[in-house]
Amino acid sequence: MKSYYLKRKIKTIGKHINNVLKEELDNQVVVAKFATVQNEGTTMLVNSEFVALLKQANTDSSKRAAVIGVSDAQLRFVTKQSVQ
């Protein structure tokens, strides 16, 4: 199954994830072991213990991040917000 997704485009994987969220999961916090990040113009897969805050408003994600101990810098990185 892993090789199936690695050969697909990001949009295709996103559609599969959205279908899972609609059909099988409640809108709750989901733990992600891996995250795709951008590094020097290349995409790489890194091991990550971050919690993915799916479909959350910025204010909600900030509150949840505080509860689980995610720093402001880590939250900006995960949500791709610019550093201020």
PDB file of N, CA and C in Angstrom:
ATOM      1  N   MET A   1       0.823  -1.188   0.000  1.00  0.00           N
ATOM      2  CA  MET A   1       0.000   0.000   0.000  1.00  0.00           C
ATOM      3  C   MET A   1       0.871   1.258   0.000  1.00  0.00           C
ATOM      4  N   LYS A   2       1.987   1.226   0.721  1.00  0.00           N
ATOM      5  CA  LYS A   2       2.874   2.384   0.782  1.00  0.00           C
ATOM      6  C   LYS A   2       3.378   2.758  -0.609  1.00  0.00           C
ATOM      7  N   SER A   3       3.773   1.788  -1.404  1.00  0.00           N
ATOM      8  CA  SER A   3       4.286   2.080  -2.742  1.00  0.00           C
ATOM      9  C   SER A   3       3.204   2.676  -3.635  1.00  0.00           C
ATOM     10  N   TYR A   4       1.953   2.308  -3.404  1.00  0.00           N
ATOM     11  CA  TYR A   4       0.834   2.858  -4.168  1.00  0.00           C
ATOM     12  C   TYR A   4       0.796   4.378  -4.017  1.00  0.00           C
ATOM     13  N   TYR A   5       0.890   4.877  -2.782  1.00  0.00           N
ATOM     14  CA  TYR A   5       0.804   6.310  -2.534  1.00  0.00           C
ATOM     15  C   TYR A   5       2.063   7.063  -2.939  1.00  0.00           C
ATOM     16  N   LEU A   6       3.213   6.434  -2.861  1.00  0.00           N
ATOM     17  CA  LEU A   6       4.447   7.115  -3.231  1.00  0.00           C
ATOM     18  C   LEU A   6       4.520   7.402  -4.725  1.00  0.00           C
ATOM     19  N   LYS A   7       3.752   6.685  -5.525  1.00  0.00           N
ATOM     20  CA  LYS A   7       3.757   6.883  -6.974  1.00  0.00           C
ATOM     21  C   LYS A   7       2.640   7.827  -7.423  1.00  0.00           C
ATOM     22  N   ARG A   8       1.939   8.451  -6.483  1.00  0.00           N
ATOM     23  CA  ARG A   8       0.815   9.324  -6.804  1.00  0.00           C
ATOM     24  C   ARG A   8       1.175  10.790  -6.577  1.00  0.00           C
ATOM     25  N   LYS A   9       0.423  11.663  -7.239  1.00  0.00           N
ATOM     26  CA  LYS A   9       0.617  13.095  -7.057  1.00  0.00           C
ATOM     27  C   LYS A   9       0.014  13.527  -5.723  1.00  0.00           C
ATOM     28  N   ILE A  10       0.495  14.656  -5.219  1.00  0.00           N
ATOM     29  CA  ILE A  10       0.034  15.188  -3.936  1.00  0.00           C
ATOM     30  C   ILE A  10      -1.483  15.388  -3.938  1.00  0.00           C
ATOM     31  N   LYS A  11      -2.049  15.914  -5.030  1.00  0.00           N
ATOM     32  CA  LYS A  11      -3.497  16.153  -5.084  1.00  0.00           C
ATOM     33  C   LYS A  11      -4.275  14.851  -4.939  1.00  0.00           C
ATOM     34  N   THR A  12      -3.778  13.783  -5.544  1.00  0.00           N
ATOM     35  CA  THR A  12      -4.442  12.483  -5.449  1.00  0.00           C
ATOM     36  C   THR A  12      -4.426  11.979  -4.013  1.00  0.00           C
ATOM     37  N   ILE A  13      -3.294  12.114  -3.363  1.00  0.00           N
ATOM     38  CA  ILE A  13      -3.186  11.683  -1.967  1.00  0.00           C
ATOM     39  C   ILE A  13      -4.120  12.524  -1.101  1.00  0.00           C
ATOM     40  N   GLY A  14      -4.171  13.828  -1.361  1.00  0.00           N
ATOM     41  CA  GLY A  14      -5.063  14.719  -0.618  1.00  0.00           C
ATOM     42  C   GLY A  14      -6.516  14.312  -0.747  1.00  0.00           C
ATOM     43  N   LYS A  15      -6.927  13.903  -1.951  1.00  0.00           N
ATOM     44  CA  LYS A  15      -8.309  13.442  -2.147  1.00  0.00           C
ATOM     45  C   LYS A  15      -8.587  12.193  -1.323  1.00  0.00           C
ATOM     46  N   HIS A  16      -7.634  11.263  -1.289  1.00  0.00           N
ATOM     47  CA  HIS A  16      -7.801  10.049  -0.483  1.00  0.00           C
ATOM     48  C   HIS A  16      -7.932  10.400   0.996  1.00  0.00           C
ATOM     49  N   ILE A  17      -7.096  11.308   1.466  1.00  0.00           N
ATOM     50  CA  ILE A  17      -7.150  11.705   2.876  1.00  0.00           C
ATOM     51  C   ILE A  17      -8.488  12.367   3.191  1.00  0.00           C
ATOM     52  N   ASN A  18      -8.946  13.266   2.314  1.00  0.00           N
ATOM     53  CA  ASN A  18     -10.244  13.911   2.535  1.00  0.00           C
ATOM     54  C   ASN A  18     -11.372  12.895   2.575  1.00  0.00           C
ATOM     55  N   ASN A  19     -11.318  11.887   1.702  1.00  0.00           N
ATOM     56  CA  ASN A  19     -12.347  10.847   1.716  1.00  0.00           C
ATOM     57  C   ASN A  19     -12.336  10.076   3.026  1.00  0.00           C
ATOM     58  N   VAL A  20     -11.160   9.767   3.528  1.00  0.00           N
ATOM     59  CA  VAL A  20     -11.055   9.064   4.810  1.00  0.00           C
ATOM     60  C   VAL A  20     -11.650   9.921   5.919  1.00  0.00           C
ATOM     61  N   LEU A  21     -11.316  11.211   5.922  1.00  0.00           N
ATOM     62  CA  LEU A  21     -11.830  12.102   6.964  1.00  0.00           C
ATOM     63  C   LEU A  21     -13.347  12.219   6.901  1.00  0.00           C
ATOM     64  N   LYS A  22     -13.900  12.274   5.697  1.00  0.00           N
ATOM     65  CA  LYS A  22     -15.352  12.396   5.549  1.00  0.00           C
ATOM     66  C   LYS A  22     -16.070  11.110   5.935  1.00  0.00           C
ATOM     67  N   GLU A  23     -15.513   9.970   5.549  1.00  0.00           N
ATOM     68  CA  GLU A  23     -16.223   8.704   5.675  1.00  0.00           C
ATOM     69  C   GLU A  23     -15.901   7.921   6.936  1.00  0.00           C
ATOM     70  N   GLU A  24     -14.692   8.072   7.478  1.00  0.00           N
ATOM     71  CA  GLU A  24     -14.276   7.164   8.536  1.00  0.00           C
ATOM     72  C   GLU A  24     -13.878   7.824   9.844  1.00  0.00           C
ATOM     73  N   LEU A  25     -13.447   9.066   9.810  1.00  0.00           N
ATOM     74  CA  LEU A  25     -12.930   9.702  11.017  1.00  0.00           C
ATOM     75  C   LEU A  25     -13.782  10.887  11.429  1.00  0.00           C
ATOM     76  N   ASP A  26     -13.797  11.147  12.720  1.00  0.00           N
ATOM     77  CA  ASP A  26     -14.378  12.380  13.224  1.00  0.00           C
ATOM     78  C   ASP A  26     -13.364  13.486  12.988  1.00  0.00           C
ATOM     79  N   ASN A  27     -13.810  14.723  13.036  1.00  0.00           N
ATOM     80  CA  ASN A  27     -12.879  15.850  12.900  1.00  0.00           C
ATOM     81  C   ASN A  27     -12.145  16.039  14.215  1.00  0.00           C
ATOM     82  N   GLN A  28     -11.184  15.166  14.477  1.00  0.00           N
ATOM     83  CA  GLN A  28     -10.376  15.219  15.684  1.00  0.00           C
ATOM     84  C   GLN A  28      -8.922  15.368  15.289  1.00  0.00           C
ATOM     85  N   VAL A  29      -8.097  15.576  16.273  1.00  0.00           N
ATOM     86  CA  VAL A  29      -6.660  15.688  16.035  1.00  0.00           C
ATOM     87  C   VAL A  29      -6.128  14.328  15.612  1.00  0.00           C
ATOM     88  N   VAL A  30      -5.302  14.310  14.566  1.00  0.00           N
ATOM     89  CA  VAL A  30      -4.729  13.081  14.034  1.00  0.00           C
ATOM     90  C   VAL A  30      -3.209  13.180  14.152  1.00  0.00           C
ATOM     91  N   VAL A  31      -2.574  12.132  14.649  1.00  0.00           N
ATOM     92  CA  VAL A  31      -1.125  12.134  14.813  1.00  0.00           C
ATOM     93  C   VAL A  31      -0.463  11.711  13.511  1.00  0.00           C
ATOM     94  N   ALA A  32       0.547  12.469  13.079  1.00  0.00           N
ATOM     95  CA  ALA A  32       1.282  12.157  11.856  1.00  0.00           C
ATOM     96  C   ALA A  32       2.701  11.732  12.217  1.00  0.00           C
ATOM     97  N   LYS A  33       3.130  10.566  11.751  1.00  0.00           N
ATOM     98  CA  LYS A  33       4.501  10.110  11.969  1.00  0.00           C
ATOM     99  C   LYS A  33       5.442  10.685  10.916  1.00  0.00           C
ATOM    100  N   PHE A  34       4.907  11.039   9.753  1.00  0.00           N
ATOM    101  CA  PHE A  34       5.734  11.574   8.679  1.00  0.00           C
ATOM    102  C   PHE A  34       5.101  12.841   8.130  1.00  0.00           C
ATOM    103  N   ALA A  35       5.917  13.759   7.702  1.00  0.00           N
ATOM    104  CA  ALA A  35       5.433  14.999   7.110  1.00  0.00           C
ATOM    105  C   ALA A  35       6.319  15.350   5.925  1.00  0.00           C
ATOM    106  N   THR A  36       5.728  15.891   4.882  1.00  0.00           N
ATOM    107  CA  THR A  36       6.496  16.347   3.731  1.00  0.00           C
ATOM    108  C   THR A  36       6.887  17.794   3.977  1.00  0.00           C
ATOM    109  N   VAL A  37       8.156  18.088   3.840  1.00  0.00           N
ATOM    110  CA  VAL A  37       8.645  19.450   4.062  1.00  0.00           C
ATOM    111  C   VAL A  37       9.465  19.898   2.867  1.00  0.00           C
ATOM    112  N   GLN A  38       9.584  21.195   2.718  1.00  0.00           N
ATOM    113  CA  GLN A  38      10.369  21.772   1.631  1.00  0.00           C
ATOM    114  C   GLN A  38      11.747  22.131   2.170  1.00  0.00           C
ATOM    115  N   ASN A  39      12.794  21.749   1.461  1.00  0.00           N
ATOM    116  CA  ASN A  39      14.153  22.046   1.906  1.00  0.00           C
ATOM    117  C   ASN A  39      15.021  22.360   0.696  1.00  0.00           C
ATOM    118  N   GLU A  40      15.449  23.610   0.575  1.00  0.00           N
ATOM    119  CA  GLU A  40      16.375  24.010  -0.494  1.00  0.00           C
ATOM    120  C   GLU A  40      15.874  23.629  -1.892  1.00  0.00           C
ATOM    121  N   GLY A  41      14.583  23.770  -2.148  1.00  0.00           N
ATOM    122  CA  GLY A  41      14.036  23.496  -3.464  1.00  0.00           C
ATOM    123  C   GLY A  41      13.753  22.037  -3.752  1.00  0.00           C
ATOM    124  N   THR A  42      14.011  21.147  -2.796  1.00  0.00           N
ATOM    125  CA  THR A  42      13.699  19.734  -2.991  1.00  0.00           C
ATOM    126  C   THR A  42      12.701  19.297  -1.931  1.00  0.00           C
ATOM    127  N   THR A  43      11.926  18.291  -2.245  1.00  0.00           N
ATOM    128  CA  THR A  43      10.960  17.769  -1.287  1.00  0.00           C
ATOM    129  C   THR A  43      11.531  16.522  -0.648  1.00  0.00           C
ATOM    130  N   MET A  44      11.430  16.430   0.661  1.00  0.00           N
ATOM    131  CA  MET A  44      11.922  15.241   1.342  1.00  0.00           C
ATOM    132  C   MET A  44      10.899  14.792   2.374  1.00  0.00           C
ATOM    133  N   LEU A  45      10.976  13.542   2.770  1.00  0.00           N
ATOM    134  CA  LEU A  45      10.084  12.976   3.768  1.00  0.00           C
ATOM    135  C   LEU A  45      10.865  12.867   5.062  1.00  0.00           C
ATOM    136  N   VAL A  46      10.328  13.418   6.133  1.00  0.00           N
ATOM    137  CA  VAL A  46      11.030  13.393   7.409  1.00  0.00           C
ATOM    138  C   VAL A  46      10.156  12.766   8.481  1.00  0.00           C
ATOM    139  N   ASN A  47      10.797  12.130   9.451  1.00  0.00           N
ATOM    140  CA  ASN A  47      10.082  11.561  10.581  1.00  0.00           C
ATOM    141  C   ASN A  47       9.620  12.703  11.472  1.00  0.00           C
ATOM    142  N   SER A  48       8.364  12.716  11.816  1.00  0.00           N
ATOM    143  CA  SER A  48       7.819  13.823  12.590  1.00  0.00           C
ATOM    144  C   SER A  48       6.832  13.325  13.618  1.00  0.00           C
ATOM    145  N   GLU A  49       6.947  13.812  14.836  1.00  0.00           N
ATOM    146  CA  GLU A  49       6.001  13.480  15.891  1.00  0.00           C
ATOM    147  C   GLU A  49       4.965  14.592  16.071  1.00  0.00           C
ATOM    148  N   PHE A  50       4.944  15.551  15.145  1.00  0.00           N
ATOM    149  CA  PHE A  50       3.987  16.646  15.245  1.00  0.00           C
ATOM    150  C   PHE A  50       2.567  16.133  15.093  1.00  0.00           C
ATOM    151  N   VAL A  51       1.667  16.825  15.709  1.00  0.00           N
ATOM    152  CA  VAL A  51       0.253  16.512  15.579  1.00  0.00           C
ATOM    153  C   VAL A  51      -0.292  17.358  14.438  1.00  0.00           C
ATOM    154  N   ALA A  52      -0.945  16.718  13.495  1.00  0.00           N
ATOM    155  CA  ALA A  52      -1.553  17.441  12.383  1.00  0.00           C
ATOM    156  C   ALA A  52      -2.899  17.974  12.854  1.00  0.00           C
ATOM    157  N   LEU A  53      -3.081  19.257  12.786  1.00  0.00           N
ATOM    158  CA  LEU A  53      -4.327  19.876  13.207  1.00  0.00           C
ATOM    159  C   LEU A  53      -5.162  20.100  11.951  1.00  0.00           C
ATOM    160  N   LEU A  54      -5.951  19.103  11.605  1.00  0.00           N
ATOM    161  CA  LEU A  54      -6.662  19.104  10.337  1.00  0.00           C
ATOM    162  C   LEU A  54      -7.909  19.976  10.384  1.00  0.00           C
ATOM    163  N   LYS A  55      -8.055  20.784   9.356  1.00  0.00           N
ATOM    164  CA  LYS A  55      -9.230  21.631   9.171  1.00  0.00           C
ATOM    165  C   LYS A  55      -9.528  22.490  10.392  1.00  0.00           C
ATOM    166  N   GLN A  56      -8.512  23.069  10.977  1.00  0.00           N
ATOM    167  CA  GLN A  56      -8.678  23.923  12.147  1.00  0.00           C
ATOM    168  C   GLN A  56      -8.442  25.374  11.747  1.00  0.00           C
ATOM    169  N   ALA A  57      -9.230  26.268  12.329  1.00  0.00           N
ATOM    170  CA  ALA A  57      -8.978  27.697  12.146  1.00  0.00           C
ATOM    171  C   ALA A  57      -7.667  28.038  12.844  1.00  0.00           C
ATOM    172  N   ASN A  58      -7.012  29.117  12.407  1.00  0.00           N
ATOM    173  CA  ASN A  58      -5.735  29.499  13.020  1.00  0.00           C
ATOM    174  C   ASN A  58      -5.842  29.658  14.526  1.00  0.00           C
ATOM    175  N   THR A  59      -6.935  30.253  14.999  1.00  0.00           N
ATOM    176  CA  THR A  59      -7.084  30.437  16.448  1.00  0.00           C
ATOM    177  C   THR A  59      -7.242  29.099  17.153  1.00  0.00           C
ATOM    178  N   ASP A  60      -7.951  28.160  16.541  1.00  0.00           N
ATOM    179  CA  ASP A  60      -8.117  26.830  17.135  1.00  0.00           C
ATOM    180  C   ASP A  60      -6.792  26.080  17.166  1.00  0.00           C
ATOM    181  N   SER A  61      -6.027  26.164  16.077  1.00  0.00           N
ATOM    182  CA  SER A  61      -4.758  25.438  16.044  1.00  0.00           C
ATOM    183  C   SER A  61      -3.789  25.998  17.081  1.00  0.00           C
ATOM    184  N   SER A  62      -3.821  27.302  17.311  1.00  0.00           N
ATOM    185  CA  SER A  62      -2.954  27.901  18.331  1.00  0.00           C
ATOM    186  C   SER A  62      -3.307  27.389  19.720  1.00  0.00           C
ATOM    187  N   LYS A  63      -4.600  27.296  20.009  1.00  0.00           N
ATOM    188  CA  LYS A  63      -5.046  26.802  21.315  1.00  0.00           C
ATOM    189  C   LYS A  63      -4.655  25.343  21.502  1.00  0.00           C
ATOM    190  N   ARG A  64      -4.854  24.529  20.474  1.00  0.00           N
ATOM    191  CA  ARG A  64      -4.511  23.105  20.572  1.00  0.00           C
ATOM    192  C   ARG A  64      -2.999  22.918  20.680  1.00  0.00           C
ATOM    193  N   ALA A  65      -2.251  23.725  19.951  1.00  0.00           N
ATOM    194  CA  ALA A  65      -0.790  23.635  20.017  1.00  0.00           C
ATOM    195  C   ALA A  65      -0.299  23.941  21.427  1.00  0.00           C
ATOM    196  N   ALA A  66      -0.916  24.926  22.077  1.00  0.00           N
ATOM    197  CA  ALA A  66      -0.527  25.267  23.448  1.00  0.00           C
ATOM    198  C   ALA A  66      -0.797  24.104  24.395  1.00  0.00           C
ATOM    199  N   VAL A  67      -1.904  23.417  24.193  1.00  0.00           N
ATOM    200  CA  VAL A  67      -2.264  22.288  25.058  1.00  0.00           C
ATOM    201  C   VAL A  67      -1.260  21.149  24.935  1.00  0.00           C
ATOM    202  N   ILE A  68      -0.772  20.887  23.727  1.00  0.00           N
ATOM    203  CA  ILE A  68       0.140  19.752  23.527  1.00  0.00           C
ATOM    204  C   ILE A  68       1.609  20.151  23.599  1.00  0.00           C
ATOM    205  N   GLY A  69       1.886  21.434  23.855  1.00  0.00           N
ATOM    206  CA  GLY A  69       3.266  21.865  24.060  1.00  0.00           C
ATOM    207  C   GLY A  69       4.049  22.157  22.797  1.00  0.00           C
ATOM    208  N   VAL A  70       3.372  22.536  21.712  1.00  0.00           N
ATOM    209  CA  VAL A  70       4.054  22.905  20.472  1.00  0.00           C
ATOM    210  C   VAL A  70       4.386  24.392  20.551  1.00  0.00           C
ATOM    211  N   SER A  71       5.633  24.743  20.298  1.00  0.00           N
ATOM    212  CA  SER A  71       6.048  26.152  20.369  1.00  0.00           C
ATOM    213  C   SER A  71       5.474  26.945  19.196  1.00  0.00           C
ATOM    214  N   ASP A  72       5.506  28.278  19.318  1.00  0.00           N
ATOM    215  CA  ASP A  72       5.032  29.138  18.231  1.00  0.00           C
ATOM    216  C   ASP A  72       5.823  28.892  16.947  1.00  0.00           C
ATOM    217  N   ALA A  73       7.140  28.732  17.074  1.00  0.00           N
ATOM    218  CA  ALA A  73       7.987  28.483  15.895  1.00  0.00           C
ATOM    219  C   ALA A  73       7.624  27.156  15.234  1.00  0.00           C
ATOM    220  N   GLN A  74       7.387  26.122  16.039  1.00  0.00           N
ATOM    221  CA  GLN A  74       7.005  24.823  15.490  1.00  0.00           C
ATOM    222  C   GLN A  74       5.647  24.912  14.807  1.00  0.00           C
ATOM    223  N   LEU A  75       4.708  25.628  15.403  1.00  0.00           N
ATOM    224  CA  LEU A  75       3.380  25.778  14.809  1.00  0.00           C
ATOM    225  C   LEU A  75       3.471  26.516  13.480  1.00  0.00           C
ATOM    226  N   ARG A  76       4.283  27.585  13.417  1.00  0.00           N
ATOM    227  CA  ARG A  76       4.456  28.311  12.151  1.00  0.00           C
ATOM    228  C   ARG A  76       5.045  27.399  11.085  1.00  0.00           C
ATOM    229  N   PHE A  77       5.998  26.550  11.474  1.00  0.00           N
ATOM    230  CA  PHE A  77       6.620  25.625  10.524  1.00  0.00           C
ATOM    231  C   PHE A  77       5.591  24.635   9.989  1.00  0.00           C
ATOM    232  N   VAL A  78       4.810  24.051  10.882  1.00  0.00           N
ATOM    233  CA  VAL A  78       3.830  23.037  10.487  1.00  0.00           C
ATOM    234  C   VAL A  78       2.719  23.642   9.643  1.00  0.00           C
ATOM    235  N   THR A  79       2.275  24.848   9.988  1.00  0.00           N
ATOM    236  CA  THR A  79       1.177  25.477   9.254  1.00  0.00           C
ATOM    237  C   THR A  79       1.665  26.386   8.129  1.00  0.00           C
ATOM    238  N   LYS A  80       2.984  26.436   7.937  1.00  0.00           N
ATOM    239  CA  LYS A  80       3.615  27.207   6.856  1.00  0.00           C
ATOM    240  C   LYS A  80       3.297  28.695   6.939  1.00  0.00           C
ATOM    241  N   GLN A  81       3.163  29.216   8.157  1.00  0.00           N
ATOM    242  CA  GLN A  81       2.957  30.649   8.345  1.00  0.00           C
ATOM    243  C   GLN A  81       4.313  31.334   8.327  1.00  0.00           C
ATOM    244  N   SER A  82       4.352  32.553   7.834  1.00  0.00           N
ATOM    245  CA  SER A  82       5.626  33.272   7.781  1.00  0.00           C
ATOM    246  C   SER A  82       6.060  33.678   9.184  1.00  0.00           C
ATOM    247  N   VAL A  83       7.369  33.727   9.377  1.00  0.00           N
ATOM    248  CA  VAL A  83       7.933  34.126  10.664  1.00  0.00           C
ATOM    249  C   VAL A  83       7.822  35.635  10.788  1.00  0.00           C
ATOM    250  N   GLN A  84       7.371  36.101  11.952  1.00  0.00           N
ATOM    251  CA  GLN A  84       7.206  37.545  12.152  1.00  0.00           C
ATOM    252  C   GLN A  84       8.160  38.044  13.196  1.00  0.00           C
TER     253      GLN A  84
END
